[in-house]
């Protein structure tokens, strides 16, 4: 039996159908984000650029598949086409990874701003991740790691020391311990957990600054939110 044309074999493949469905979901999410946040919001622009790059990645994937089949069939210069398609796919994939990180940061900021309940896939994913007990336990361990690093500072090789101000962190050790204990006690809401994550991962957070008052204020804000979450859970249980 004669083999099917190349277009038929590629166009009706399972992966392509899945990519097409994923593209439809992304388009719906972009439309929803634009309606809720406005076209000029950074998350909307990021989602738009992601959609463009992902479409281009789909096209390059098709070119890569076609090049592979052509190479197997012995088509002249197929190797050059295959190499070019592979390079384009690598660059696009790297750009998509970077944009996904930006999307996550922007979703985190929306949650911190109190807009985490918007029905957007990026926010739903972040809320699910932040309210996962494993995420919260990991952040508690990270806080405890900061405390331990400050305590053993003289024994750490200077080039391997964290970038925070050790004196500032040592002064804030009781508040940092309290946050770790609250995170380990019971699951917290996404907004409070997002604040902890930003404190630990954002280079401009007070944890890495030189203003002890700012750090104490931020730690108090987070502690109050975690305490409020715990009180609400107790009220619901009661």
C-alpha atoms as a PDB file:
ATOM      1  CA  UNK A   1       0.000   0.000   0.000  1.00  0.00           C
ATOM      2  CA  UNK A   2       1.333   3.426  -0.925  1.00  0.00           C
ATOM      3  CA  UNK A   3       2.523   5.545   1.972  1.00  0.00           C
ATOM      4  CA  UNK A   4       0.446   8.562   2.944  1.00  0.00           C
ATOM      5  CA  UNK A   5       1.630  12.020   1.849  1.00  0.00           C
ATOM      6  CA  UNK A   6       3.934  13.830   4.289  1.00  0.00           C
ATOM      7  CA  UNK A   7       1.346  16.566   4.915  1.00  0.00           C
ATOM      8  CA  UNK A   8      -1.207  13.965   5.948  1.00  0.00           C
ATOM      9  CA  UNK A   9       1.192  12.208   8.308  1.00  0.00           C
ATOM     10  CA  UNK A  10       2.193  15.476  10.048  1.00  0.00           C
ATOM     11  CA  UNK A  11      -1.116  17.271   9.954  1.00  0.00           C
ATOM     12  CA  UNK A  12      -3.114  14.503  11.586  1.00  0.00           C
ATOM     13  CA  UNK A  13      -0.624  13.533  14.262  1.00  0.00           C
ATOM     14  CA  UNK A  14      -1.693  13.351  17.883  1.00  0.00           C
ATOM     15  CA  UNK A  15       0.909  15.866  19.110  1.00  0.00           C
ATOM     16  CA  UNK A  16      -0.246  18.424  16.561  1.00  0.00           C
ATOM     17  CA  UNK A  17      -3.857  18.050  17.656  1.00  0.00           C
ATOM     18  CA  UNK A  18      -2.799  18.561  21.263  1.00  0.00           C
ATOM     19  CA  UNK A  19      -0.774  21.629  20.343  1.00  0.00           C
ATOM     20  CA  UNK A  20      -3.735  23.032  18.439  1.00  0.00           C
ATOM     21  CA  UNK A  21      -6.050  22.547  21.424  1.00  0.00           C
ATOM     22  CA  UNK A  22      -3.457  24.139  23.709  1.00  0.00           C
ATOM     23  CA  UNK A  23      -3.265  27.095  21.332  1.00  0.00           C
ATOM     24  CA  UNK A  24      -7.026  27.526  21.585  1.00  0.00           C
ATOM     25  CA  UNK A  25      -6.860  27.551  25.379  1.00  0.00           C
ATOM     26  CA  UNK A  26      -4.076  30.121  25.312  1.00  0.00           C
ATOM     27  CA  UNK A  27      -6.112  32.349  23.001  1.00  0.00           C
ATOM     28  CA  UNK A  28      -9.084  32.140  25.362  1.00  0.00           C
ATOM     29  CA  UNK A  29      -6.872  32.990  28.335  1.00  0.00           C
ATOM     30  CA  UNK A  30      -5.391  35.968  26.490  1.00  0.00           C
ATOM     31  CA  UNK A  31      -8.865  37.284  25.653  1.00  0.00           C
ATOM     32  CA  UNK A  32      -9.981  36.882  29.270  1.00  0.00           C
ATOM     33  CA  UNK A  33      -6.853  38.607  30.590  1.00  0.00           C
ATOM     34  CA  UNK A  34      -7.307  41.524  28.193  1.00  0.00           C
ATOM     35  CA  UNK A  35     -10.938  41.914  29.237  1.00  0.00           C
ATOM     36  CA  UNK A  36     -10.136  41.799  32.958  1.00  0.00           C
ATOM     37  CA  UNK A  37      -6.828  43.680  33.066  1.00  0.00           C
ATOM     38  CA  UNK A  38      -6.728  45.790  29.906  1.00  0.00           C
ATOM     39  CA  UNK A  39      -4.599  45.378  26.803  1.00  0.00           C
ATOM     40  CA  UNK A  40      -1.666  47.328  28.249  1.00  0.00           C
ATOM     41  CA  UNK A  41      -1.216  45.239  31.396  1.00  0.00           C
ATOM     42  CA  UNK A  42       2.164  43.505  31.491  1.00  0.00           C
ATOM     43  CA  UNK A  43       0.594  40.085  31.994  1.00  0.00           C
ATOM     44  CA  UNK A  44      -1.575  40.578  28.897  1.00  0.00           C
ATOM     45  CA  UNK A  45       1.427  41.639  26.813  1.00  0.00           C
ATOM     46  CA  UNK A  46       3.414  38.689  28.139  1.00  0.00           C
ATOM     47  CA  UNK A  47       0.629  36.232  27.305  1.00  0.00           C
ATOM     48  CA  UNK A  48       0.357  37.755  23.830  1.00  0.00           C
ATOM     49  CA  UNK A  49       4.079  37.389  23.174  1.00  0.00           C
ATOM     50  CA  UNK A  50       4.018  33.848  24.551  1.00  0.00           C
ATOM     51  CA  UNK A  51       1.205  32.953  22.172  1.00  0.00           C
ATOM     52  CA  UNK A  52       3.203  34.319  19.225  1.00  0.00           C
ATOM     53  CA  UNK A  53       6.345  32.408  20.184  1.00  0.00           C
ATOM     54  CA  UNK A  54       4.428  29.204  20.806  1.00  0.00           C
ATOM     55  CA  UNK A  55       2.849  29.434  17.342  1.00  0.00           C
ATOM     56  CA  UNK A  56       6.305  29.934  15.883  1.00  0.00           C
ATOM     57  CA  UNK A  57       7.553  26.958  17.880  1.00  0.00           C
ATOM     58  CA  UNK A  58       4.766  24.848  16.403  1.00  0.00           C
ATOM     59  CA  UNK A  59       5.790  25.882  12.895  1.00  0.00           C
ATOM     60  CA  UNK A  60       9.459  25.145  13.606  1.00  0.00           C
ATOM     61  CA  UNK A  61       8.456  21.753  15.054  1.00  0.00           C
ATOM     62  CA  UNK A  62       6.648  20.921  11.830  1.00  0.00           C
ATOM     63  CA  UNK A  63       9.707  22.009   9.850  1.00  0.00           C
ATOM     64  CA  UNK A  64      11.889  19.855  12.089  1.00  0.00           C
ATOM     65  CA  UNK A  65       9.635  16.844  11.566  1.00  0.00           C
ATOM     66  CA  UNK A  66       9.562  17.414   7.817  1.00  0.00           C
ATOM     67  CA  UNK A  67      13.336  17.782   7.752  1.00  0.00           C
ATOM     68  CA  UNK A  68      13.764  14.537   9.637  1.00  0.00           C
ATOM     69  CA  UNK A  69      11.530  12.663   7.215  1.00  0.00           C
ATOM     70  CA  UNK A  70      13.298  14.258   4.244  1.00  0.00           C
ATOM     71  CA  UNK A  71      16.684  13.295   5.658  1.00  0.00           C
ATOM     72  CA  UNK A  72      15.493   9.713   6.125  1.00  0.00           C
ATOM     73  CA  UNK A  73      14.296   9.745   2.524  1.00  0.00           C
ATOM     74  CA  UNK A  74      17.703  10.928   1.305  1.00  0.00           C
ATOM     75  CA  UNK A  75      16.575  14.362   0.098  1.00  0.00           C
ATOM     76  CA  UNK A  76      19.490  16.626  -0.859  1.00  0.00           C
ATOM     77  CA  UNK A  77      20.300  19.399   1.645  1.00  0.00           C
ATOM     78  CA  UNK A  78      17.796  18.006   4.135  1.00  0.00           C
ATOM     79  CA  UNK A  79      20.509  18.010   6.819  1.00  0.00           C
ATOM     80  CA  UNK A  80      20.993  21.790   6.471  1.00  0.00           C
ATOM     81  CA  UNK A  81      17.248  22.422   6.753  1.00  0.00           C
ATOM     82  CA  UNK A  82      17.062  20.120   9.766  1.00  0.00           C
ATOM     83  CA  UNK A  83      19.951  21.910  11.517  1.00  0.00           C
ATOM     84  CA  UNK A  84      18.412  25.344  10.888  1.00  0.00           C
ATOM     85  CA  UNK A  85      15.026  24.230  12.191  1.00  0.00           C
ATOM     86  CA  UNK A  86      16.645  22.732  15.296  1.00  0.00           C
ATOM     87  CA  UNK A  87      18.487  25.994  16.017  1.00  0.00           C
ATOM     88  CA  UNK A  88      15.321  28.055  15.619  1.00  0.00           C
ATOM     89  CA  UNK A  89      13.436  25.659  17.892  1.00  0.00           C
ATOM     90  CA  UNK A  90      16.137  25.908  20.566  1.00  0.00           C
ATOM     91  CA  UNK A  91      16.076  29.734  20.538  1.00  0.00           C
ATOM     92  CA  UNK A  92      12.277  29.826  20.658  1.00  0.00           C
ATOM     93  CA  UNK A  93      12.139  27.297  23.483  1.00  0.00           C
ATOM     94  CA  UNK A  94      14.630  29.332  25.540  1.00  0.00           C
ATOM     95  CA  UNK A  95      12.612  32.511  24.988  1.00  0.00           C
ATOM     96  CA  UNK A  96       9.404  30.723  26.016  1.00  0.00           C
ATOM     97  CA  UNK A  97      11.017  29.465  29.237  1.00  0.00           C
ATOM     98  CA  UNK A  98      12.101  33.018  30.097  1.00  0.00           C
ATOM     99  CA  UNK A  99       8.636  34.432  29.351  1.00  0.00           C
ATOM    100  CA  UNK A 100       6.971  31.759  31.473  1.00  0.00           C
ATOM    101  CA  UNK A 101       9.112  32.925  34.363  1.00  0.00           C
ATOM    102  CA  UNK A 102       7.953  36.506  33.751  1.00  0.00           C
ATOM    103  CA  UNK A 103       4.335  35.307  33.567  1.00  0.00           C
ATOM    104  CA  UNK A 104       4.737  33.566  36.908  1.00  0.00           C
ATOM    105  CA  UNK A 105       6.214  36.678  38.535  1.00  0.00           C
ATOM    106  CA  UNK A 106       3.375  38.836  37.212  1.00  0.00           C
ATOM    107  CA  UNK A 107       0.771  36.349  38.427  1.00  0.00           C
ATOM    108  CA  UNK A 108       2.468  36.348  41.825  1.00  0.00           C
ATOM    109  CA  UNK A 109       2.263  40.144  41.950  1.00  0.00           C
ATOM    110  CA  UNK A 110      -1.444  40.091  41.102  1.00  0.00           C
ATOM    111  CA  UNK A 111      -2.041  37.677  43.972  1.00  0.00           C
ATOM    112  CA  UNK A 112      -0.085  39.927  46.328  1.00  0.00           C
ATOM    113  CA  UNK A 113      -2.131  42.897  45.115  1.00  0.00           C
ATOM    114  CA  UNK A 114      -5.318  41.088  46.113  1.00  0.00           C
ATOM    115  CA  UNK A 115      -6.412  40.195  42.569  1.00  0.00           C
ATOM    116  CA  UNK A 116      -5.649  36.501  42.770  1.00  0.00           C
ATOM    117  CA  UNK A 117      -9.291  35.470  42.410  1.00  0.00           C
ATOM    118  CA  UNK A 118      -9.481  36.582  38.785  1.00  0.00           C
ATOM    119  CA  UNK A 119     -10.466  33.599  36.599  1.00  0.00           C
ATOM    120  CA  UNK A 120      -7.205  33.361  34.653  1.00  0.00           C
ATOM    121  CA  UNK A 121      -5.252  30.159  34.094  1.00  0.00           C
ATOM    122  CA  UNK A 122      -1.953  31.782  35.116  1.00  0.00           C
ATOM    123  CA  UNK A 123      -3.476  32.836  38.431  1.00  0.00           C
ATOM    124  CA  UNK A 124      -5.233  29.536  39.006  1.00  0.00           C
ATOM    125  CA  UNK A 125      -1.923  27.697  38.562  1.00  0.00           C
ATOM    126  CA  UNK A 126      -0.155  30.028  40.991  1.00  0.00           C
ATOM    127  CA  UNK A 127      -2.901  29.802  43.611  1.00  0.00           C
ATOM    128  CA  UNK A 128      -2.804  26.007  43.396  1.00  0.00           C
ATOM    129  CA  UNK A 129       0.976  25.989  43.736  1.00  0.00           C
ATOM    130  CA  UNK A 130       1.084  28.478  46.614  1.00  0.00           C
ATOM    131  CA  UNK A 131      -1.599  26.695  48.624  1.00  0.00           C
ATOM    132  CA  UNK A 132       0.107  23.324  48.198  1.00  0.00           C
ATOM    133  CA  UNK A 133       1.472  22.199  51.612  1.00  0.00           C
ATOM    134  CA  UNK A 134       4.715  21.101  49.942  1.00  0.00           C
ATOM    135  CA  UNK A 135       5.295  24.611  48.591  1.00  0.00           C
ATOM    136  CA  UNK A 136       4.687  26.101  52.013  1.00  0.00           C
ATOM    137  CA  UNK A 137       6.953  23.559  53.711  1.00  0.00           C
ATOM    138  CA  UNK A 138       9.660  24.362  51.176  1.00  0.00           C
ATOM    139  CA  UNK A 139       9.393  28.083  51.945  1.00  0.00           C
ATOM    140  CA  UNK A 140       9.559  27.331  55.668  1.00  0.00           C
ATOM    141  CA  UNK A 141      12.766  25.364  55.072  1.00  0.00           C
ATOM    142  CA  UNK A 142      14.150  28.253  53.039  1.00  0.00           C
ATOM    143  CA  UNK A 143      13.474  30.663  55.922  1.00  0.00           C
ATOM    144  CA  UNK A 144      15.167  28.267  58.311  1.00  0.00           C
ATOM    145  CA  UNK A 145      18.096  28.058  55.893  1.00  0.00           C
ATOM    146  CA  UNK A 146      18.472  31.842  55.977  1.00  0.00           C
ATOM    147  CA  UNK A 147      18.549  31.722  59.781  1.00  0.00           C
ATOM    148  CA  UNK A 148      21.148  28.925  59.792  1.00  0.00           C
ATOM    149  CA  UNK A 149      23.319  30.752  57.267  1.00  0.00           C
ATOM    150  CA  UNK A 150      23.318  33.872  59.421  1.00  0.00           C
ATOM    151  CA  UNK A 151      24.209  31.831  62.509  1.00  0.00           C
ATOM    152  CA  UNK A 152      27.175  30.094  60.860  1.00  0.00           C
ATOM    153  CA  UNK A 153      28.300  33.107  58.819  1.00  0.00           C
ATOM    154  CA  UNK A 154      31.987  33.075  59.892  1.00  0.00           C
ATOM    155  CA  UNK A 155      32.308  29.437  58.802  1.00  0.00           C
ATOM    156  CA  UNK A 156      30.941  30.062  55.313  1.00  0.00           C
ATOM    157  CA  UNK A 157      33.502  30.648  52.567  1.00  0.00           C
ATOM    158  CA  UNK A 158      33.203  34.374  51.682  1.00  0.00           C
ATOM    159  CA  UNK A 159      32.538  33.673  48.000  1.00  0.00           C
ATOM    160  CA  UNK A 160      29.690  31.281  48.951  1.00  0.00           C
ATOM    161  CA  UNK A 161      27.938  33.576  51.412  1.00  0.00           C
ATOM    162  CA  UNK A 162      24.337  34.647  50.677  1.00  0.00           C
ATOM    163  CA  UNK A 163      23.849  38.234  49.545  1.00  0.00           C
ATOM    164  CA  UNK A 164      21.839  39.387  52.559  1.00  0.00           C
ATOM    165  CA  UNK A 165      23.132  41.613  55.370  1.00  0.00           C
ATOM    166  CA  UNK A 166      24.002  39.145  58.122  1.00  0.00           C
ATOM    167  CA  UNK A 167      23.534  41.659  60.956  1.00  0.00           C
ATOM    168  CA  UNK A 168      20.085  42.596  59.680  1.00  0.00           C
ATOM    169  CA  UNK A 169      19.043  38.960  59.367  1.00  0.00           C
ATOM    170  CA  UNK A 170      20.350  38.060  62.814  1.00  0.00           C
ATOM    171  CA  UNK A 171      18.316  40.888  64.316  1.00  0.00           C
ATOM    172  CA  UNK A 172      15.203  39.598  62.525  1.00  0.00           C
ATOM    173  CA  UNK A 173      15.751  35.928  63.451  1.00  0.00           C
ATOM    174  CA  UNK A 174      12.768  35.722  65.862  1.00  0.00           C
ATOM    175  CA  UNK A 175      10.372  37.077  63.217  1.00  0.00           C
ATOM    176  CA  UNK A 176      11.803  34.745  60.547  1.00  0.00           C
ATOM    177  CA  UNK A 177      11.379  31.762  62.877  1.00  0.00           C
ATOM    178  CA  UNK A 178       7.785  32.787  63.563  1.00  0.00           C
ATOM    179  CA  UNK A 179       7.007  32.827  59.836  1.00  0.00           C
ATOM    180  CA  UNK A 180       8.550  29.377  59.362  1.00  0.00           C
ATOM    181  CA  UNK A 181       6.512  28.007  62.260  1.00  0.00           C
ATOM    182  CA  UNK A 182       3.285  29.477  60.880  1.00  0.00           C
ATOM    183  CA  UNK A 183       3.941  27.992  57.448  1.00  0.00           C
ATOM    184  CA  UNK A 184       4.606  24.592  58.996  1.00  0.00           C
ATOM    185  CA  UNK A 185       1.586  24.732  61.299  1.00  0.00           C
ATOM    186  CA  UNK A 186      -1.342  24.731  58.851  1.00  0.00           C
ATOM    187  CA  UNK A 187      -1.906  25.533  55.160  1.00  0.00           C
ATOM    188  CA  UNK A 188      -2.047  29.291  54.506  1.00  0.00           C
ATOM    189  CA  UNK A 189      -3.836  31.284  51.826  1.00  0.00           C
ATOM    190  CA  UNK A 190      -2.107  32.129  48.562  1.00  0.00           C
ATOM    191  CA  UNK A 191      -1.604  35.846  49.226  1.00  0.00           C
ATOM    192  CA  UNK A 192       0.376  35.400  52.446  1.00  0.00           C
ATOM    193  CA  UNK A 193       2.471  32.619  50.909  1.00  0.00           C
ATOM    194  CA  UNK A 194       3.158  34.787  47.857  1.00  0.00           C
ATOM    195  CA  UNK A 195       4.539  37.473  50.156  1.00  0.00           C
ATOM    196  CA  UNK A 196       6.904  34.942  51.745  1.00  0.00           C
ATOM    197  CA  UNK A 197       8.063  33.754  48.340  1.00  0.00           C
ATOM    198  CA  UNK A 198       8.677  37.316  47.153  1.00  0.00           C
ATOM    199  CA  UNK A 199      10.621  38.055  50.331  1.00  0.00           C
ATOM    200  CA  UNK A 200      12.933  35.101  49.640  1.00  0.00           C
ATOM    201  CA  UNK A 201      13.279  35.253  45.851  1.00  0.00           C
ATOM    202  CA  UNK A 202      13.052  38.896  44.819  1.00  0.00           C
ATOM    203  CA  UNK A 203      16.391  40.691  44.748  1.00  0.00           C
ATOM    204  CA  UNK A 204      14.729  43.982  45.706  1.00  0.00           C
ATOM    205  CA  UNK A 205      12.973  42.562  48.789  1.00  0.00           C
ATOM    206  CA  UNK A 206      13.854  44.022  52.203  1.00  0.00           C
ATOM    207  CA  UNK A 207      15.605  40.755  53.100  1.00  0.00           C
ATOM    208  CA  UNK A 208      18.455  41.730  50.754  1.00  0.00           C
ATOM    209  CA  UNK A 209      18.425  45.445  51.498  1.00  0.00           C
ATOM    210  CA  UNK A 210      20.128  47.613  54.073  1.00  0.00           C
ATOM    211  CA  UNK A 211      17.052  48.943  55.875  1.00  0.00           C
ATOM    212  CA  UNK A 212      16.255  46.956  59.051  1.00  0.00           C
ATOM    213  CA  UNK A 213      13.030  48.889  59.612  1.00  0.00           C
ATOM    214  CA  UNK A 214      11.735  47.915  56.165  1.00  0.00           C
ATOM    215  CA  UNK A 215      12.536  44.260  56.810  1.00  0.00           C
ATOM    216  CA  UNK A 216      10.816  44.301  60.218  1.00  0.00           C
ATOM    217  CA  UNK A 217       7.762  45.965  58.686  1.00  0.00           C
ATOM    218  CA  UNK A 218       7.552  43.406  55.860  1.00  0.00           C
ATOM    219  CA  UNK A 219       7.926  40.507  58.272  1.00  0.00           C
ATOM    220  CA  UNK A 220       5.190  41.931  60.478  1.00  0.00           C
ATOM    221  CA  UNK A 221       2.836  42.338  57.493  1.00  0.00           C
ATOM    222  CA  UNK A 222       3.405  38.721  56.453  1.00  0.00           C
ATOM    223  CA  UNK A 223       3.035  37.415  59.994  1.00  0.00           C
ATOM    224  CA  UNK A 224      -0.254  39.286  60.408  1.00  0.00           C
ATOM    225  CA  UNK A 225      -1.630  37.787  57.185  1.00  0.00           C
ATOM    226  CA  UNK A 226      -0.585  34.261  58.180  1.00  0.00           C
ATOM    227  CA  UNK A 227      -2.130  34.739  61.631  1.00  0.00           C
ATOM    228  CA  UNK A 228      -5.334  36.019  60.060  1.00  0.00           C
ATOM    229  CA  UNK A 229      -5.482  32.980  57.796  1.00  0.00           C
ATOM    230  CA  UNK A 230      -5.091  30.715  60.818  1.00  0.00           C
ATOM    231  CA  UNK A 231      -7.843  32.539  62.731  1.00  0.00           C
ATOM    232  CA  UNK A 232     -10.223  32.221  59.788  1.00  0.00           C
ATOM    233  CA  UNK A 233      -9.586  28.470  59.591  1.00  0.00           C
ATOM    234  CA  UNK A 234     -10.260  28.155  63.317  1.00  0.00           C
ATOM    235  CA  UNK A 235     -13.522  30.090  62.942  1.00  0.00           C
ATOM    236  CA  UNK A 236     -14.663  27.847  60.101  1.00  0.00           C
ATOM    237  CA  UNK A 237     -13.826  24.738  62.103  1.00  0.00           C
ATOM    238  CA  UNK A 238     -15.637  26.151  65.150  1.00  0.00           C
END
